All heavy atoms as atom14 arrays in JSON, in Angstrom:
{
  "sequence": "DYQRACVVVLQGDLDHDDQDLLRLTMRTARL",
  "atom14_mask": [
    [1, 1, 1, 1, 1, 1, 1, 1, 0, 0, 0, 0, 0, 0],
    [1, 1, 1, 1, 1, 1, 1, 1, 1, 1, 1, 1, 0, 0],
    [1, 1, 1, 1, 1, 1, 1, 1, 1, 0, 0, 0, 0, 0],
    [1, 1, 1, 1, 1, 1, 1, 1, 1, 1, 1, 0, 0, 0],
    [1, 1, 1, 1, 1, 0, 0, 0, 0, 0, 0, 0, 0, 0],
    [1, 1, 1, 1, 1, 1, 0, 0, 0, 0, 0, 0, 0, 0],
    [1, 1, 1, 1, 1, 1, 1, 0, 0, 0, 0, 0, 0, 0],
    [1, 1, 1, 1, 1, 1, 1, 0, 0, 0, 0, 0, 0, 0],
    [1, 1, 1, 1, 1, 1, 1, 0, 0, 0, 0, 0, 0, 0],
    [1, 1, 1, 1, 1, 1, 1, 1, 0, 0, 0, 0, 0, 0],
    [1, 1, 1, 1, 1, 1, 1, 1, 1, 0, 0, 0, 0, 0],
    [1, 1, 1, 1, 0, 0, 0, 0, 0, 0, 0, 0, 0, 0],
    [1, 1, 1, 1, 1, 1, 1, 1, 0, 0, 0, 0, 0, 0],
    [1, 1, 1, 1, 1, 1, 1, 1, 0, 0, 0, 0, 0, 0],
    [1, 1, 1, 1, 1, 1, 1, 1, 0, 0, 0, 0, 0, 0],
    [1, 1, 1, 1, 1, 1, 1, 1, 1, 1, 0, 0, 0, 0],
    [1, 1, 1, 1, 1, 1, 1, 1, 0, 0, 0, 0, 0, 0],
    [1, 1, 1, 1, 1, 1, 1, 1, 0, 0, 0, 0, 0, 0],
    [1, 1, 1, 1, 1, 1, 1, 1, 1, 0, 0, 0, 0, 0],
    [1, 1, 1, 1, 1, 1, 1, 1, 0, 0, 0, 0, 0, 0],
    [1, 1, 1, 1, 1, 1, 1, 1, 0, 0, 0, 0, 0, 0],
    [1, 1, 1, 1, 1, 1, 1, 1, 0, 0, 0, 0, 0, 0],
    [1, 1, 1, 1, 1, 1, 1, 1, 1, 1, 1, 0, 0, 0],
    [1, 1, 1, 1, 1, 1, 1, 1, 0, 0, 0, 0, 0, 0],
    [1, 1, 1, 1, 1, 1, 1, 0, 0, 0, 0, 0, 0, 0],
    [1, 1, 1, 1, 1, 1, 1, 1, 0, 0, 0, 0, 0, 0],
    [1, 1, 1, 1, 1, 1, 1, 1, 1, 1, 1, 0, 0, 0],
    [1, 1, 1, 1, 1, 1, 1, 0, 0, 0, 0, 0, 0, 0],
    [1, 1, 1, 1, 1, 0, 0, 0, 0, 0, 0, 0, 0, 0],
    [1, 1, 1, 1, 1, 1, 1, 1, 1, 1, 1, 0, 0, 0],
    [1, 1, 1, 1, 1, 1, 1, 1, 0, 0, 0, 0, 0, 0]
  ],
  "atom14_positions": [
    [[-105.6, -3.04, -104.44], [-105.55, -2.58, -105.81], [-105.6, -3.77, -106.76], [-104.76, -4.66, -106.7], [-104.26, -1.77, -106.01], [-104.26, -1.0, -107.3], [-105.33, -0.61, -107.77], [-103.18, -0.78, -107.84], [0.0, 0.0, 0.0], [0.0, 0.0, 0.0], [0.0, 0.0, 0.0], [0.0, 0.0, 0.0], [0.0, 0.0, 0.0], [0.0, 0.0, 0.0]],
    [[-106.61, -3.77, -107.62], [-106.75, -4.78, -108.67], [-106.58, -4.08, -110.01], [-106.54, -2.85, -110.07], [-108.13, -5.45, -108.6], [-108.28, -6.36, -107.4], [-108.61, -5.84, -106.15], [-108.11, -7.73, -107.52], [-108.76, -6.66, -105.05], [-108.25, -8.57, -106.42], [-108.57, -8.03, -105.18], [-108.72, -8.85, -104.1], [0.0, 0.0, 0.0], [0.0, 0.0, 0.0]],
    [[-106.53, -4.85, -111.09], [-106.29, -4.25, -112.4], [-107.31, -3.17, -112.74], [-106.95, -2.11, -113.2], [-106.3, -5.33, -113.48], [-105.95, -4.77, -114.86], [-105.88, -5.86, -115.91], [-106.06, -7.03, -115.63], [-105.62, -5.46, -117.13], [0.0, 0.0, 0.0], [0.0, 0.0, 0.0], [0.0, 0.0, 0.0], [0.0, 0.0, 0.0], [0.0, 0.0, 0.0]],
    [[-108.59, -3.43, -112.53], [-109.62, -2.46, -112.9], [-110.47, -1.99, -111.72], [-111.47, -1.32, -111.93], [-110.54, -3.07, -113.96], [-109.89, -3.22, -115.3], [-110.92, -3.56, -116.35], [-110.41, -3.36, -117.67], [-109.76, -4.28, -118.37], [-109.55, -5.46, -117.86], [-109.33, -4.01, -119.58], [0.0, 0.0, 0.0], [0.0, 0.0, 0.0], [0.0, 0.0, 0.0]],
    [[-110.07, -2.34, -110.52], [-110.88, -1.97, -109.36], [-109.99, -1.7, -108.15], [-108.89, -2.22, -108.05], [-111.89, -3.06, -109.03], [0.0, 0.0, 0.0], [0.0, 0.0, 0.0], [0.0, 0.0, 0.0], [0.0, 0.0, 0.0], [0.0, 0.0, 0.0], [0.0, 0.0, 0.0], [0.0, 0.0, 0.0], [0.0, 0.0, 0.0], [0.0, 0.0, 0.0]],
    [[-110.53, -0.88, -107.27], [-109.92, -0.64, -105.97], [-110.93, -1.14, -104.95], [-112.08, -0.68, -104.93], [-109.65, 0.85, -105.79], [-108.85, 1.23, -104.23], [0.0, 0.0, 0.0], [0.0, 0.0, 0.0], [0.0, 0.0, 0.0], [0.0, 0.0, 0.0], [0.0, 0.0, 0.0], [0.0, 0.0, 0.0], [0.0, 0.0, 0.0], [0.0, 0.0, 0.0]],
    [[-110.52, -2.1, -104.13], [-111.44, -2.73, -103.19], [-111.14, -2.24, -101.78], [-110.01, -2.34, -101.3], [-111.33, -4.27, -103.25], [-112.23, -4.92, -102.21], [-111.67, -4.78, -104.65], [0.0, 0.0, 0.0], [0.0, 0.0, 0.0], [0.0, 0.0, 0.0], [0.0, 0.0, 0.0], [0.0, 0.0, 0.0], [0.0, 0.0, 0.0], [0.0, 0.0, 0.0]],
    [[-112.17, -1.71, -101.13], [-112.08, -1.3, -99.74], [-112.72, -2.4, -98.9], [-113.91, -2.69, -99.05], [-112.83, 0.04, -99.5], [-112.81, 0.4, -98.02], [-112.22, 1.15, -100.35], [0.0, 0.0, 0.0], [0.0, 0.0, 0.0], [0.0, 0.0, 0.0], [0.0, 0.0, 0.0], [0.0, 0.0, 0.0], [0.0, 0.0, 0.0], [0.0, 0.0, 0.0]],
    [[-111.92, -3.05, -98.06], [-112.4, -4.14, -97.23], [-112.7, -3.58, -95.84], [-111.8, -3.02, -95.19], [-111.38, -5.29, -97.14], [-111.92, -6.43, -96.3], [-111.01, -5.79, -98.54], [0.0, 0.0, 0.0], [0.0, 0.0, 0.0], [0.0, 0.0, 0.0], [0.0, 0.0, 0.0], [0.0, 0.0, 0.0], [0.0, 0.0, 0.0], [0.0, 0.0, 0.0]],
    [[-113.95, -3.72, -95.41], [-114.39, -3.23, -94.11], [-114.77, -4.4, -93.21], [-115.06, -5.49, -93.7], [-115.58, -2.28, -94.28], [-115.34, -1.06, -95.18], [-116.63, -0.28, -95.37], [-114.25, -0.17, -94.63], [0.0, 0.0, 0.0], [0.0, 0.0, 0.0], [0.0, 0.0, 0.0], [0.0, 0.0, 0.0], [0.0, 0.0, 0.0], [0.0, 0.0, 0.0]],
    [[-114.81, -4.14, -91.9], [-115.15, -5.2, -90.96], [-115.88, -4.65, -89.74], [-115.82, -3.45, -89.46], [-113.89, -5.92, -90.49], [-113.03, -5.08, -89.56], [-111.8, -5.8, -89.07], [-111.63, -6.98, -89.29], [-110.93, -5.07, -88.39], [0.0, 0.0, 0.0], [0.0, 0.0, 0.0], [0.0, 0.0, 0.0], [0.0, 0.0, 0.0], [0.0, 0.0, 0.0]],
    [[-116.53, -5.56, -89.02], [-117.12, -5.23, -87.73], [-118.36, -4.38, -87.8], [-119.19, -4.53, -88.7], [0.0, 0.0, 0.0], [0.0, 0.0, 0.0], [0.0, 0.0, 0.0], [0.0, 0.0, 0.0], [0.0, 0.0, 0.0], [0.0, 0.0, 0.0], [0.0, 0.0, 0.0], [0.0, 0.0, 0.0], [0.0, 0.0, 0.0], [0.0, 0.0, 0.0]],
    [[-118.5, -3.49, -86.82], [-119.64, -2.61, -86.7], [-119.26, -1.21, -87.19], [-118.28, -0.63, -86.73], [-120.08, -2.5, -85.24], [-120.56, -3.83, -84.67], [-120.8, -4.76, -85.46], [-120.68, -3.93, -83.44], [0.0, 0.0, 0.0], [0.0, 0.0, 0.0], [0.0, 0.0, 0.0], [0.0, 0.0, 0.0], [0.0, 0.0, 0.0], [0.0, 0.0, 0.0]],
    [[-120.05, -0.68, -88.12], [-119.8, 0.65, -88.66], [-120.91, 1.58, -88.19], [-122.08, 1.34, -88.48], [-119.79, 0.61, -90.19], [-118.71, -0.26, -90.82], [-119.01, -0.49, -92.29], [-117.36, 0.39, -90.64], [0.0, 0.0, 0.0], [0.0, 0.0, 0.0], [0.0, 0.0, 0.0], [0.0, 0.0, 0.0], [0.0, 0.0, 0.0], [0.0, 0.0, 0.0]],
    [[-120.53, 2.62, -87.46], [-121.53, 3.58, -87.0], [-121.0, 5.0, -87.15], [-119.98, 5.22, -87.78], [-121.95, 3.28, -85.56], [-120.8, 3.35, -84.56], [-119.81, 4.06, -84.83], [-120.89, 2.71, -83.51], [0.0, 0.0, 0.0], [0.0, 0.0, 0.0], [0.0, 0.0, 0.0], [0.0, 0.0, 0.0], [0.0, 0.0, 0.0], [0.0, 0.0, 0.0]],
    [[-121.71, 5.95, -86.57], [-121.37, 7.37, -86.75], [-119.94, 7.7, -86.31], [-119.33, 8.62, -86.83], [-122.39, 8.27, -86.05], [-122.36, 8.16, -84.57], [-122.96, 7.12, -83.89], [-121.77, 8.94, -83.64], [-122.75, 7.27, -82.59], [-122.04, 8.37, -82.41], [0.0, 0.0, 0.0], [0.0, 0.0, 0.0], [0.0, 0.0, 0.0], [0.0, 0.0, 0.0]],
    [[-119.39, 6.95, -85.35], [-118.02, 7.22, -84.88], [-116.97, 6.91, -85.95], [-115.85, 7.4, -85.86], [-117.71, 6.38, -83.64], [-118.5, 6.84, -82.42], [-118.92, 8.01, -82.39], [-118.7, 6.01, -81.51], [0.0, 0.0, 0.0], [0.0, 0.0, 0.0], [0.0, 0.0, 0.0], [0.0, 0.0, 0.0], [0.0, 0.0, 0.0], [0.0, 0.0, 0.0]],
    [[-117.32, 6.11, -86.95], [-116.36, 5.69, -87.96], [-116.41, 6.51, -89.24], [-115.65, 6.26, -90.17], [-116.62, 4.22, -88.33], [-116.52, 3.31, -87.13], [-115.49, 3.36, -86.44], [-117.48, 2.54, -86.88], [0.0, 0.0, 0.0], [0.0, 0.0, 0.0], [0.0, 0.0, 0.0], [0.0, 0.0, 0.0], [0.0, 0.0, 0.0], [0.0, 0.0, 0.0]],
    [[-117.27, 7.5, -89.3], [-117.51, 8.18, -90.57], [-116.33, 9.0, -91.08], [-116.07, 9.03, -92.28], [-118.77, 9.05, -90.48], [-120.03, 8.23, -90.19], [-120.11, 6.94, -90.98], [-120.19, 6.98, -92.21], [-120.09, 5.8, -90.31], [0.0, 0.0, 0.0], [0.0, 0.0, 0.0], [0.0, 0.0, 0.0], [0.0, 0.0, 0.0], [0.0, 0.0, 0.0]],
    [[-115.57, 9.65, -90.2], [-114.41, 10.42, -90.67], [-113.38, 9.49, -91.33], [-112.87, 9.79, -92.41], [-113.76, 11.19, -89.52], [-114.61, 12.36, -89.06], [-115.48, 12.81, -89.84], [-114.41, 12.81, -87.92], [0.0, 0.0, 0.0], [0.0, 0.0, 0.0], [0.0, 0.0, 0.0], [0.0, 0.0, 0.0], [0.0, 0.0, 0.0], [0.0, 0.0, 0.0]],
    [[-113.1, 8.38, -90.69], [-112.15, 7.43, -91.25], [-112.69, 6.81, -92.54], [-111.95, 6.65, -93.51], [-111.82, 6.33, -90.23], [-110.81, 5.28, -90.68], [-109.47, 5.93, -91.06], [-110.62, 4.24, -89.59], [0.0, 0.0, 0.0], [0.0, 0.0, 0.0], [0.0, 0.0, 0.0], [0.0, 0.0, 0.0], [0.0, 0.0, 0.0], [0.0, 0.0, 0.0]],
    [[-113.98, 6.53, -92.59], [-114.57, 5.96, -93.79], [-114.52, 6.96, -94.95], [-114.18, 6.59, -96.08], [-116.02, 5.53, -93.51], [-116.72, 4.79, -94.63], [-115.95, 3.56, -95.08], [-118.13, 4.4, -94.2], [0.0, 0.0, 0.0], [0.0, 0.0, 0.0], [0.0, 0.0, 0.0], [0.0, 0.0, 0.0], [0.0, 0.0, 0.0], [0.0, 0.0, 0.0]],
    [[-114.81, 8.23, -94.68], [-114.71, 9.26, -95.73], [-113.28, 9.36, -96.27], [-113.06, 9.43, -97.48], [-115.17, 10.62, -95.21], [-116.67, 10.83, -95.3], [-117.03, 12.28, -94.99], [-116.83, 12.62, -93.58], [-117.71, 12.34, -92.61], [-118.84, 11.73, -92.9], [-117.46, 12.68, -91.38], [0.0, 0.0, 0.0], [0.0, 0.0, 0.0], [0.0, 0.0, 0.0]],
    [[-112.31, 9.37, -95.38], [-110.91, 9.43, -95.78], [-110.52, 8.21, -96.6], [-109.84, 8.31, -97.62], [-110.01, 9.56, -94.54], [-108.52, 9.62, -94.78], [-108.15, 10.84, -95.62], [-107.79, 9.66, -93.44], [0.0, 0.0, 0.0], [0.0, 0.0, 0.0], [0.0, 0.0, 0.0], [0.0, 0.0, 0.0], [0.0, 0.0, 0.0], [0.0, 0.0, 0.0]],
    [[-110.98, 7.05, -96.18], [-110.7, 5.81, -96.9], [-111.3, 5.84, -98.29], [-110.64, 5.47, -99.27], [-111.25, 4.6, -96.11], [-110.63, 4.58, -94.82], [-110.97, 3.29, -96.83], [0.0, 0.0, 0.0], [0.0, 0.0, 0.0], [0.0, 0.0, 0.0], [0.0, 0.0, 0.0], [0.0, 0.0, 0.0], [0.0, 0.0, 0.0], [0.0, 0.0, 0.0]],
    [[-112.54, 6.29, -98.4], [-113.2, 6.36, -99.71], [-112.49, 7.36, -100.61], [-112.32, 7.12, -101.8], [-114.68, 6.71, -99.55], [-115.49, 5.67, -98.77], [-115.36, 4.01, -99.45], [-116.08, 4.27, -101.05], [0.0, 0.0, 0.0], [0.0, 0.0, 0.0], [0.0, 0.0, 0.0], [0.0, 0.0, 0.0], [0.0, 0.0, 0.0], [0.0, 0.0, 0.0]],
    [[-112.08, 8.48, -100.06], [-111.34, 9.48, -100.85], [-110.03, 8.88, -101.38], [-109.67, 9.06, -102.54], [-111.06, 10.71, -99.99], [-110.59, 11.91, -100.77], [-110.46, 13.17, -99.93], [-111.61, 13.39, -99.07], [-111.54, 13.6, -97.75], [-110.39, 13.65, -97.13], [-112.64, 13.81, -97.05], [0.0, 0.0, 0.0], [0.0, 0.0, 0.0], [0.0, 0.0, 0.0]],
    [[-109.33, 8.15, -100.52], [-108.08, 7.5, -100.92], [-108.34, 6.49, -102.03], [-107.61, 6.44, -103.02], [-107.44, 6.8, -99.71], [-107.18, 7.78, -98.7], [-106.15, 6.1, -100.09], [0.0, 0.0, 0.0], [0.0, 0.0, 0.0], [0.0, 0.0, 0.0], [0.0, 0.0, 0.0], [0.0, 0.0, 0.0], [0.0, 0.0, 0.0], [0.0, 0.0, 0.0]],
    [[-109.39, 5.69, -101.89], [-109.72, 4.68, -102.91], [-110.08, 5.33, -104.24], [-109.67, 4.86, -105.3], [-110.86, 3.8, -102.41], [0.0, 0.0, 0.0], [0.0, 0.0, 0.0], [0.0, 0.0, 0.0], [0.0, 0.0, 0.0], [0.0, 0.0, 0.0], [0.0, 0.0, 0.0], [0.0, 0.0, 0.0], [0.0, 0.0, 0.0], [0.0, 0.0, 0.0]],
    [[-110.83, 6.43, -104.2], [-111.21, 7.12, -105.44], [-110.01, 7.68, -106.18], [-110.03, 7.79, -107.41], [-112.2, 8.25, -105.14], [-113.61, 7.76, -104.91], [-114.61, 8.9, -104.97], [-114.15, 10.15, -104.39], [-114.4, 10.55, -103.15], [-115.13, 9.83, -102.35], [-113.96, 11.72, -102.72], [0.0, 0.0, 0.0], [0.0, 0.0, 0.0], [0.0, 0.0, 0.0]],
    [[-108.95, 8.02, -105.46], [-107.75, 8.55, -106.1], [-107.1, 7.54, -107.04], [-106.31, 7.91, -107.89], [-106.74, 9.01, -105.05], [-107.11, 10.27, -104.29], [-106.1, 10.55, -103.18], [-107.2, 11.46, -105.23], [0.0, 0.0, 0.0], [0.0, 0.0, 0.0], [0.0, 0.0, 0.0], [0.0, 0.0, 0.0], [0.0, 0.0, 0.0], [0.0, 0.0, 0.0]]
  ]
}
């Protein structure tokens, strides 16, 4: 959490197996 931004830091290999967690993470960040 920054003053005017929310930064999601990702790492490694992102593929179809990670999409549920990525969607949840993005939803959390948008909140």
